[in-house]
Amino acid sequence: MGHGFDNRQKKILDCLQENAELKVQELVELTGASIATVRRDLLEMEKKNLIVRTFGGIRAVNQKSLVARTFEQRAALQNPEKRRIAAAAAELVEPGMTIAIDSGTTCMNFAASLKNKAPLRIITSALAVIETLGGVPGMEINLVGGRFRLDNLDFYGALSINSFKQFHVDIAFMSCDALLPESGAYSHDQESAAISQAIAGCSSQVAVLCDSRKIGQGGAFLAFSPDMIGMVVTDAPDERLTQSGYNVIVAD
């Protein structure tokens, strides 16, 4: 490697100071070198532990992965109510069960509450579940693929829906964006509602994890009608839920 490589290396490292990740095509435009040359440069830089290669690009060695960064950002939004709901929902789980876990911050807290519940078989489309439980012995995690959704760090679409049909779970632990006691649980987008319905279809029972601020809020797309909801786990008593006939678990 000569001065050309050194110059390209400096440009790449300087650019990584301002960008979390860079694509190969961006590096071609940055350095003016061919794709083949850039790929050889990246291989050498990775050997020197200067960069980490990703699918289609690179990131700095000290830059955390997309999942880790988003997971930490979501963790910053956690509140005591969601942790209490998660802990109460975890009491429903016994070792040996097969369960489904939805995406969302409350379900992420729930996953973190299961570390002493192994062995478990878990079906999920959420990357946060892998981030939380992937290294725990006795946890068998089946990740359902599909079209990746960056905002939720999960998968959705027809492939995901068809994949869930191949499973059966004892309890599905689900999030929602709104819960109207008289009509059911809702999602803000149609894709999430469709995934929720697919998971309900492979479950013996559905537990909706819902903080009290979402109860009575308007919803856009129906995820679960009242007859589909086996129980609601929430953080505060609400007469509207009991009057509507829901099985309610209130977190301590």
C-alpha atoms as a PDB file:
ATOM      1  CA  MET A   1       0.000   0.000   0.000  1.00  0.00           C
ATOM      2  CA  GLY A   2       1.349   3.416  -0.958  1.00  0.00           C
ATOM      3  CA  HIS A   3       0.544   7.069  -0.508  1.00  0.00           C
ATOM      4  CA  GLY A   4      -2.713   6.662  -2.440  1.00  0.00           C
ATOM      5  CA  PHE A   5      -3.980   4.223   0.128  1.00  0.00           C
ATOM      6  CA  ASP A   6      -2.837   6.452   2.989  1.00  0.00           C
ATOM      7  CA  ASN A   7      -4.718   9.428   1.523  1.00  0.00           C
ATOM      8  CA  ARG A   8      -7.874   7.412   0.960  1.00  0.00           C
ATOM      9  CA  GLN A   9      -7.629   5.946   4.443  1.00  0.00           C
ATOM     10  CA  LYS A  10      -7.374   9.428   5.971  1.00  0.00           C
ATOM     11  CA  LYS A  11     -10.394  10.667   4.002  1.00  0.00           C
ATOM     12  CA  ILE A  12     -12.432   7.671   5.076  1.00  0.00           C
ATOM     13  CA  LEU A  13     -11.513   7.963   8.760  1.00  0.00           C
ATOM     14  CA  ASP A  14     -12.141  11.725   8.733  1.00  0.00           C
ATOM     15  CA  CYS A  15     -15.557  11.156   7.182  1.00  0.00           C
ATOM     16  CA  LEU A  16     -16.420   8.551   9.810  1.00  0.00           C
ATOM     17  CA  GLN A  17     -15.920  11.210  12.468  1.00  0.00           C
ATOM     18  CA  GLU A  18     -18.998  12.983  11.100  1.00  0.00           C
ATOM     19  CA  ASN A  19     -21.080   9.998   9.943  1.00  0.00           C
ATOM     20  CA  ALA A  20     -22.111   6.955  11.946  1.00  0.00           C
ATOM     21  CA  GLU A  21     -21.989   4.678   8.898  1.00  0.00           C
ATOM     22  CA  LEU A  22     -20.907   5.001   5.284  1.00  0.00           C
ATOM     23  CA  LYS A  23     -21.907   3.013   2.210  1.00  0.00           C
ATOM     24  CA  VAL A  24     -19.361   1.705  -0.296  1.00  0.00           C
ATOM     25  CA  GLN A  25     -20.761   3.917  -3.042  1.00  0.00           C
ATOM     26  CA  GLU A  26     -20.303   6.955  -0.807  1.00  0.00           C
ATOM     27  CA  LEU A  27     -16.669   5.948  -0.298  1.00  0.00           C
ATOM     28  CA  VAL A  28     -16.166   5.613  -4.057  1.00  0.00           C
ATOM     29  CA  GLU A  29     -17.420   9.163  -4.502  1.00  0.00           C
ATOM     30  CA  LEU A  30     -15.384  10.398  -1.553  1.00  0.00           C
ATOM     31  CA  THR A  31     -12.056   8.916  -2.667  1.00  0.00           C
ATOM     32  CA  GLY A  32     -12.472   8.881  -6.441  1.00  0.00           C
ATOM     33  CA  ALA A  33     -11.258   5.283  -6.502  1.00  0.00           C
ATOM     34  CA  SER A  34     -12.972   2.302  -8.108  1.00  0.00           C
ATOM     35  CA  ILE A  35     -15.281  -0.008  -6.157  1.00  0.00           C
ATOM     36  CA  ALA A  36     -12.676  -2.771  -6.337  1.00  0.00           C
ATOM     37  CA  THR A  37      -9.973  -0.478  -4.926  1.00  0.00           C
ATOM     38  CA  VAL A  38     -12.234   0.758  -2.156  1.00  0.00           C
ATOM     39  CA  ARG A  39     -13.154  -2.781  -1.178  1.00  0.00           C
ATOM     40  CA  ARG A  40      -9.465  -3.730  -0.980  1.00  0.00           C
ATOM     41  CA  ASP A  41      -8.805  -0.635   1.119  1.00  0.00           C
ATOM     42  CA  LEU A  42     -11.592  -1.531   3.500  1.00  0.00           C
ATOM     43  CA  LEU A  43     -10.291  -5.059   3.885  1.00  0.00           C
ATOM     44  CA  GLU A  44      -6.866  -3.703   4.860  1.00  0.00           C
ATOM     45  CA  MET A  45      -8.382  -1.144   7.216  1.00  0.00           C
ATOM     46  CA  GLU A  46     -10.445  -3.821   8.908  1.00  0.00           C
ATOM     47  CA  LYS A  47      -7.325  -5.952   9.395  1.00  0.00           C
ATOM     48  CA  LYS A  48      -5.760  -2.948  11.146  1.00  0.00           C
ATOM     49  CA  ASN A  49      -8.888  -2.655  13.348  1.00  0.00           C
ATOM     50  CA  LEU A  50      -9.570   0.848  12.014  1.00  0.00           C
ATOM     51  CA  ILE A  51     -13.121   0.157  10.807  1.00  0.00           C
ATOM     52  CA  VAL A  52     -15.860  -2.457  11.028  1.00  0.00           C
ATOM     53  CA  ARG A  53     -17.344  -3.598   7.742  1.00  0.00           C
ATOM     54  CA  THR A  54     -21.126  -3.878   7.572  1.00  0.00           C
ATOM     55  CA  PHE A  55     -23.498  -5.113   4.889  1.00  0.00           C
ATOM     56  CA  GLY A  56     -22.789  -2.677   2.059  1.00  0.00           C
ATOM     57  CA  GLY A  57     -20.606  -0.287   4.009  1.00  0.00           C
ATOM     58  CA  ILE A  58     -18.568   0.451   7.120  1.00  0.00           C
ATOM     59  CA  ARG A  59     -18.777   1.986  10.563  1.00  0.00           C
ATOM     60  CA  ALA A  60     -16.148   3.178  13.021  1.00  0.00           C
ATOM     61  CA  VAL A  61     -14.711   0.651  15.448  1.00  0.00           C
ATOM     62  CA  ASN A  62     -16.095   2.554  18.428  1.00  0.00           C
ATOM     63  CA  GLN A  63     -19.483   3.122  16.785  1.00  0.00           C
ATOM     64  CA  LYS A  64     -22.169   0.817  18.115  1.00  0.00           C
ATOM     65  CA  SER A  65     -24.421  -1.152  15.821  1.00  0.00           C
ATOM     66  CA  LEU A  66     -27.791   0.129  14.667  1.00  0.00           C
ATOM     67  CA  VAL A  67     -29.618  -2.237  16.989  1.00  0.00           C
ATOM     68  CA  ALA A  68     -27.502  -1.288  20.008  1.00  0.00           C
ATOM     69  CA  ARG A  69     -27.872   2.451  19.360  1.00  0.00           C
ATOM     70  CA  THR A  70     -31.620   2.282  18.873  1.00  0.00           C
ATOM     71  CA  PHE A  71     -32.004  -0.053  21.836  1.00  0.00           C
ATOM     72  CA  GLU A  72     -30.254   2.478  24.079  1.00  0.00           C
ATOM     73  CA  GLN A  73     -32.327   5.340  22.689  1.00  0.00           C
ATOM     74  CA  ARG A  74     -35.494   3.404  23.405  1.00  0.00           C
ATOM     75  CA  ALA A  75     -34.207   2.514  26.871  1.00  0.00           C
ATOM     76  CA  ALA A  76     -33.898   6.230  27.620  1.00  0.00           C
ATOM     77  CA  LEU A  77     -37.656   6.503  27.052  1.00  0.00           C
ATOM     78  CA  GLN A  78     -38.530   3.765  29.523  1.00  0.00           C
ATOM     79  CA  ASN A  79     -40.490   4.813  32.569  1.00  0.00           C
ATOM     80  CA  PRO A  80     -41.436   3.150  35.858  1.00  0.00           C
ATOM     81  CA  GLU A  81     -44.943   2.333  34.622  1.00  0.00           C
ATOM     82  CA  LYS A  82     -43.649   0.279  31.693  1.00  0.00           C
ATOM     83  CA  ARG A  83     -41.220  -1.589  33.920  1.00  0.00           C
ATOM     84  CA  ARG A  84     -44.003  -2.392  36.379  1.00  0.00           C
ATOM     85  CA  ILE A  85     -46.258  -3.651  33.584  1.00  0.00           C
ATOM     86  CA  ALA A  86     -43.397  -5.764  32.246  1.00  0.00           C
ATOM     87  CA  ALA A  87     -42.706  -7.308  35.650  1.00  0.00           C
ATOM     88  CA  ALA A  88     -46.391  -8.130  36.183  1.00  0.00           C
ATOM     89  CA  ALA A  89     -46.657  -9.715  32.735  1.00  0.00           C
ATOM     90  CA  ALA A  90     -43.547 -11.799  33.379  1.00  0.00           C
ATOM     91  CA  GLU A  91     -45.378 -13.451  36.300  1.00  0.00           C
ATOM     92  CA  LEU A  92     -47.632 -15.089  33.708  1.00  0.00           C
ATOM     93  CA  VAL A  93     -44.685 -16.939  32.169  1.00  0.00           C
ATOM     94  CA  GLU A  94     -43.514 -20.339  33.338  1.00  0.00           C
ATOM     95  CA  PRO A  95     -40.349 -22.132  32.191  1.00  0.00           C
ATOM     96  CA  GLY A  96     -41.050 -24.431  29.272  1.00  0.00           C
ATOM     97  CA  MET A  97     -43.651 -22.209  27.660  1.00  0.00           C
ATOM     98  CA  THR A  98     -43.740 -21.080  24.047  1.00  0.00           C
ATOM     99  CA  ILE A  99     -44.554 -17.379  23.837  1.00  0.00           C
ATOM    100  CA  ALA A 100     -44.676 -14.592  21.273  1.00  0.00           C
ATOM    101  CA  ILE A 101     -43.289 -11.144  22.006  1.00  0.00           C
ATOM    102  CA  ASP A 102     -44.294  -8.041  20.074  1.00  0.00           C
ATOM    103  CA  SER A 103     -42.108  -5.007  19.348  1.00  0.00           C
ATOM    104  CA  GLY A 104     -42.407  -1.743  21.304  1.00  0.00           C
ATOM    105  CA  THR A 105     -40.798  -0.321  24.420  1.00  0.00           C
ATOM    106  CA  THR A 106     -43.112  -2.050  26.913  1.00  0.00           C
ATOM    107  CA  CYS A 107     -42.495  -5.426  25.271  1.00  0.00           C
ATOM    108  CA  MET A 108     -38.775  -4.684  25.314  1.00  0.00           C
ATOM    109  CA  ASN A 109     -39.030  -4.206  29.092  1.00  0.00           C
ATOM    110  CA  PHE A 110     -41.041  -7.407  29.274  1.00  0.00           C
ATOM    111  CA  ALA A 111     -38.330  -9.357  27.456  1.00  0.00           C
ATOM    112  CA  ALA A 112     -35.772  -8.050  29.933  1.00  0.00           C
ATOM    113  CA  SER A 113     -37.925  -9.427  32.767  1.00  0.00           C
ATOM    114  CA  LEU A 114     -37.710 -12.990  31.442  1.00  0.00           C
ATOM    115  CA  LYS A 115     -34.030 -13.703  32.031  1.00  0.00           C
ATOM    116  CA  ASN A 116     -34.757 -16.053  34.941  1.00  0.00           C
ATOM    117  CA  LYS A 117     -37.597 -17.859  33.138  1.00  0.00           C
ATOM    118  CA  ALA A 118     -35.530 -20.202  30.962  1.00  0.00           C
ATOM    119  CA  PRO A 119     -36.086 -22.491  29.255  1.00  0.00           C
ATOM    120  CA  LEU A 120     -38.446 -20.666  26.904  1.00  0.00           C
ATOM    121  CA  ARG A 121     -39.258 -20.860  23.233  1.00  0.00           C
ATOM    122  CA  ILE A 122     -39.859 -17.348  21.916  1.00  0.00           C
ATOM    123  CA  ILE A 123     -41.378 -16.311  18.597  1.00  0.00           C
ATOM    124  CA  THR A 124     -40.842 -12.679  17.629  1.00  0.00           C
ATOM    125  CA  SER A 125     -40.341 -10.252  14.787  1.00  0.00           C
ATOM    126  CA  ALA A 126     -38.524  -7.745  17.044  1.00  0.00           C
ATOM    127  CA  LEU A 127     -34.751  -7.358  17.060  1.00  0.00           C
ATOM    128  CA  ALA A 128     -34.849  -5.918  20.591  1.00  0.00           C
ATOM    129  CA  VAL A 129     -35.824  -9.357  21.898  1.00  0.00           C
ATOM    130  CA  ILE A 130     -32.608 -10.787  20.472  1.00  0.00           C
ATOM    131  CA  GLU A 131     -30.650  -7.855  21.894  1.00  0.00           C
ATOM    132  CA  THR A 132     -32.119  -8.589  25.327  1.00  0.00           C
ATOM    133  CA  LEU A 133     -32.347 -12.387  25.499  1.00  0.00           C
ATOM    134  CA  GLY A 134     -30.094 -13.682  22.738  1.00  0.00           C
ATOM    135  CA  GLY A 135     -27.240 -14.428  25.128  1.00  0.00           C
ATOM    136  CA  VAL A 136     -29.333 -16.025  27.874  1.00  0.00           C
ATOM    137  CA  PRO A 137     -28.866 -19.810  28.119  1.00  0.00           C
ATOM    138  CA  GLY A 138     -32.032 -21.789  27.556  1.00  0.00           C
ATOM    139  CA  MET A 139     -33.746 -19.164  25.422  1.00  0.00           C
ATOM    140  CA  GLU A 140     -34.726 -20.510  22.006  1.00  0.00           C
ATOM    141  CA  ILE A 141     -35.544 -17.490  19.870  1.00  0.00           C
ATOM    142  CA  ASN A 142     -37.277 -17.857  16.514  1.00  0.00           C
ATOM    143  CA  LEU A 143     -37.017 -14.603  14.569  1.00  0.00           C
ATOM    144  CA  VAL A 144     -39.749 -14.073  11.991  1.00  0.00           C
ATOM    145  CA  GLY A 145     -38.436 -12.232   8.950  1.00  0.00           C
ATOM    146  CA  GLY A 146     -40.032 -10.000   6.372  1.00  0.00           C
ATOM    147  CA  ARG A 147     -39.612  -6.385   5.412  1.00  0.00           C
ATOM    148  CA  PHE A 148     -37.414  -4.524   7.900  1.00  0.00           C
ATOM    149  CA  ARG A 149     -38.885  -1.507   9.667  1.00  0.00           C
ATOM    150  CA  LEU A 150     -36.255   0.854  11.051  1.00  0.00           C
ATOM    151  CA  ASP A 151     -38.512   2.813  13.407  1.00  0.00           C
ATOM    152  CA  ASN A 152     -39.561  -0.308  15.313  1.00  0.00           C
ATOM    153  CA  LEU A 153     -36.516  -2.475  14.621  1.00  0.00           C
ATOM    154  CA  ASP A 154     -38.840  -5.267  13.561  1.00  0.00           C
ATOM    155  CA  PHE A 155     -40.143  -7.076  10.482  1.00  0.00           C
ATOM    156  CA  TYR A 156     -43.552  -6.826   8.872  1.00  0.00           C
ATOM    157  CA  GLY A 157     -45.459  -7.611   5.695  1.00  0.00           C
ATOM    158  CA  ALA A 158     -46.825 -10.721   3.994  1.00  0.00           C
ATOM    159  CA  LEU A 159     -43.750 -12.844   4.714  1.00  0.00           C
ATOM    160  CA  SER A 160     -43.984 -12.100   8.431  1.00  0.00           C
ATOM    161  CA  ILE A 161     -47.704 -12.805   8.516  1.00  0.00           C
ATOM    162  CA  ASN A 162     -47.308 -16.149   6.737  1.00  0.00           C
ATOM    163  CA  SER A 163     -44.392 -17.105   8.991  1.00  0.00           C
ATOM    164  CA  PHE A 164     -46.409 -16.635  12.170  1.00  0.00           C
ATOM    165  CA  LYS A 165     -48.964 -19.097  10.789  1.00  0.00           C
ATOM    166  CA  GLN A 166     -46.336 -21.833  11.147  1.00  0.00           C
ATOM    167  CA  PHE A 167     -46.244 -21.521  14.942  1.00  0.00           C
ATOM    168  CA  HIS A 168     -48.461 -21.966  17.954  1.00  0.00           C
ATOM    169  CA  VAL A 169     -47.738 -20.186  21.234  1.00  0.00           C
ATOM    170  CA  ASP A 170     -49.208 -20.388  24.721  1.00  0.00           C
ATOM    171  CA  ILE A 171     -49.414 -16.634  25.250  1.00  0.00           C
ATOM    172  CA  ALA A 172     -48.708 -13.695  22.953  1.00  0.00           C
ATOM    173  CA  PHE A 173     -47.504 -10.589  24.768  1.00  0.00           C
ATOM    174  CA  MET A 174     -48.521  -7.636  22.649  1.00  0.00           C
ATOM    175  CA  SER A 175     -48.227  -3.862  22.660  1.00  0.00           C
ATOM    176  CA  CYS A 176     -50.769  -1.380  21.332  1.00  0.00           C
ATOM    177  CA  ASP A 177     -50.952   2.303  20.540  1.00  0.00           C
ATOM    178  CA  ALA A 178     -54.442   2.786  21.977  1.00  0.00           C
ATOM    179  CA  LEU A 179     -57.063   0.787  23.830  1.00  0.00           C
ATOM    180  CA  LEU A 180     -60.750   1.648  23.554  1.00  0.00           C
ATOM    181  CA  PRO A 181     -62.482  -0.582  26.133  1.00  0.00           C
ATOM    182  CA  GLU A 182     -65.666  -0.952  24.106  1.00  0.00           C
ATOM    183  CA  SER A 183     -64.013  -1.783  20.780  1.00  0.00           C
ATOM    184  CA  GLY A 184     -60.498  -3.170  21.372  1.00  0.00           C
ATOM    185  CA  ALA A 185     -56.815  -2.398  20.885  1.00  0.00           C
ATOM    186  CA  TYR A 186     -55.521  -0.285  18.024  1.00  0.00           C
ATOM    187  CA  SER A 187     -52.306   0.449  16.130  1.00  0.00           C
ATOM    188  CA  HIS A 188     -51.330   3.704  14.471  1.00  0.00           C
ATOM    189  CA  ASP A 189     -50.505   1.939  11.201  1.00  0.00           C
ATOM    190  CA  GLN A 190     -52.057  -0.849   9.192  1.00  0.00           C
ATOM    191  CA  GLU A 191     -48.856  -2.907   9.012  1.00  0.00           C
ATOM    192  CA  SER A 192     -48.593  -3.205  12.798  1.00  0.00           C
ATOM    193  CA  ALA A 193     -52.269  -4.118  13.081  1.00  0.00           C
ATOM    194  CA  ALA A 194     -51.848  -6.874  10.492  1.00  0.00           C
ATOM    195  CA  ILE A 195     -48.861  -8.354  12.353  1.00  0.00           C
ATOM    196  CA  SER A 196     -50.777  -8.214  15.639  1.00  0.00           C
ATOM    197  CA  GLN A 197     -53.679 -10.119  14.108  1.00  0.00           C
ATOM    198  CA  ALA A 198     -51.316 -12.733  12.681  1.00  0.00           C
ATOM    199  CA  ILE A 199     -49.732 -13.291  16.078  1.00  0.00           C
ATOM    200  CA  ALA A 200     -53.157 -13.537  17.727  1.00  0.00           C
ATOM    201  CA  GLY A 201     -54.072 -16.182  15.194  1.00  0.00           C
ATOM    202  CA  CYS A 202     -51.299 -18.495  16.390  1.00  0.00           C
ATOM    203  CA  SER A 203     -51.845 -17.890  20.111  1.00  0.00           C
ATOM    204  CA  SER A 204     -53.944 -19.657  22.743  1.00  0.00           C
ATOM    205  CA  GLN A 205     -54.173 -16.383  24.630  1.00  0.00           C
ATOM    206  CA  VAL A 206     -53.346 -12.713  23.995  1.00  0.00           C
ATOM    207  CA  ALA A 207     -52.046 -10.462  26.755  1.00  0.00           C
ATOM    208  CA  VAL A 208     -52.036  -6.761  25.831  1.00  0.00           C
ATOM    209  CA  LEU A 209     -49.438  -4.718  27.726  1.00  0.00           C
ATOM    210  CA  CYS A 210     -50.852  -1.214  27.873  1.00  0.00           C
ATOM    211  CA  ASP A 211     -49.979   1.716  30.107  1.00  0.00           C
ATOM    212  CA  SER A 212     -52.997   3.578  31.448  1.00  0.00           C
ATOM    213  CA  ARG A 213     -52.347   6.694  29.379  1.00  0.00           C
ATOM    214  CA  LYS A 214     -53.294   4.767  26.236  1.00  0.00           C
ATOM    215  CA  ILE A 215     -56.689   3.685  27.561  1.00  0.00           C
ATOM    216  CA  GLY A 216     -59.496   5.663  25.984  1.00  0.00           C
ATOM    217  CA  GLN A 217     -57.209   7.138  23.329  1.00  0.00           C
ATOM    218  CA  GLY A 218     -58.436   7.090  19.755  1.00  0.00           C
ATOM    219  CA  GLY A 219     -57.020   4.436  17.473  1.00  0.00           C
ATOM    220  CA  ALA A 220     -56.646   4.157  13.732  1.00  0.00           C
ATOM    221  CA  PHE A 221     -56.365   0.465  12.810  1.00  0.00           C
ATOM    222  CA  LEU A 222     -57.973  -2.315  14.846  1.00  0.00           C
ATOM    223  CA  ALA A 223     -55.423  -4.859  16.072  1.00  0.00           C
ATOM    224  CA  PHE A 224     -57.537  -6.852  18.555  1.00  0.00           C
ATOM    225  CA  SER A 225     -61.274  -6.877  19.069  1.00  0.00           C
ATOM    226  CA  PRO A 226     -62.335  -7.350  22.732  1.00  0.00           C
ATOM    227  CA  ASP A 227     -63.051 -11.066  22.251  1.00  0.00           C
ATOM    228  CA  MET A 228     -59.453 -11.600  21.072  1.00  0.00           C
ATOM    229  CA  ILE A 229     -57.919 -10.113  24.227  1.00  0.00           C
ATOM    230  CA  GLY A 230     -57.395 -12.649  26.990  1.00  0.00           C
ATOM    231  CA  MET A 231     -56.088 -10.115  29.486  1.00  0.00           C
ATOM    232  CA  VAL A 232     -54.883  -6.544  29.791  1.00  0.00           C
ATOM    233  CA  VAL A 233     -51.821  -5.814  31.898  1.00  0.00           C
ATOM    234  CA  THR A 234     -51.706  -2.168  32.913  1.00  0.00           C
ATOM    235  CA  ASP A 235     -50.290   0.109  35.602  1.00  0.00           C
ATOM    236  CA  ALA A 236     -53.445   1.581  37.174  1.00  0.00           C
ATOM    237  CA  PRO A 237     -57.057   0.478  37.795  1.00  0.00           C
ATOM    238  CA  ASP A 238     -59.569   1.659  35.202  1.00  0.00           C
ATOM    239  CA  GLU A 239     -63.292   1.094  35.633  1.00  0.00           C
ATOM    240  CA  ARG A 240     -63.838   1.274  31.893  1.00  0.00           C
ATOM    241  CA  LEU A 241     -61.873  -1.943  31.443  1.00  0.00           C
ATOM    242  CA  THR A 242     -63.651  -3.916  34.151  1.00  0.00           C
ATOM    243  CA  GLN A 243     -67.062  -2.649  33.032  1.00  0.00           C
ATOM    244  CA  SER A 244     -66.272  -3.865  29.524  1.00  0.00           C
ATOM    245  CA  GLY A 245     -65.532  -7.344  30.832  1.00  0.00           C
ATOM    246  CA  TYR A 246     -61.756  -7.478  30.383  1.00  0.00           C
ATOM    247  CA  ASN A 247     -59.573  -9.691  32.550  1.00  0.00           C
ATOM    248  CA  VAL A 248     -57.340  -6.979  34.024  1.00  0.00           C
ATOM    249  CA  ILE A 249     -54.005  -7.369  35.795  1.00  0.00           C
ATOM    250  CA  VAL A 250     -52.851  -4.195  37.533  1.00  0.00           C
ATOM    251  CA  ALA A 251     -49.114  -4.010  38.182  1.00  0.00           C
ATOM    252  CA  ASP A 252     -48.080  -3.385  41.801  1.00  0.00           C
END
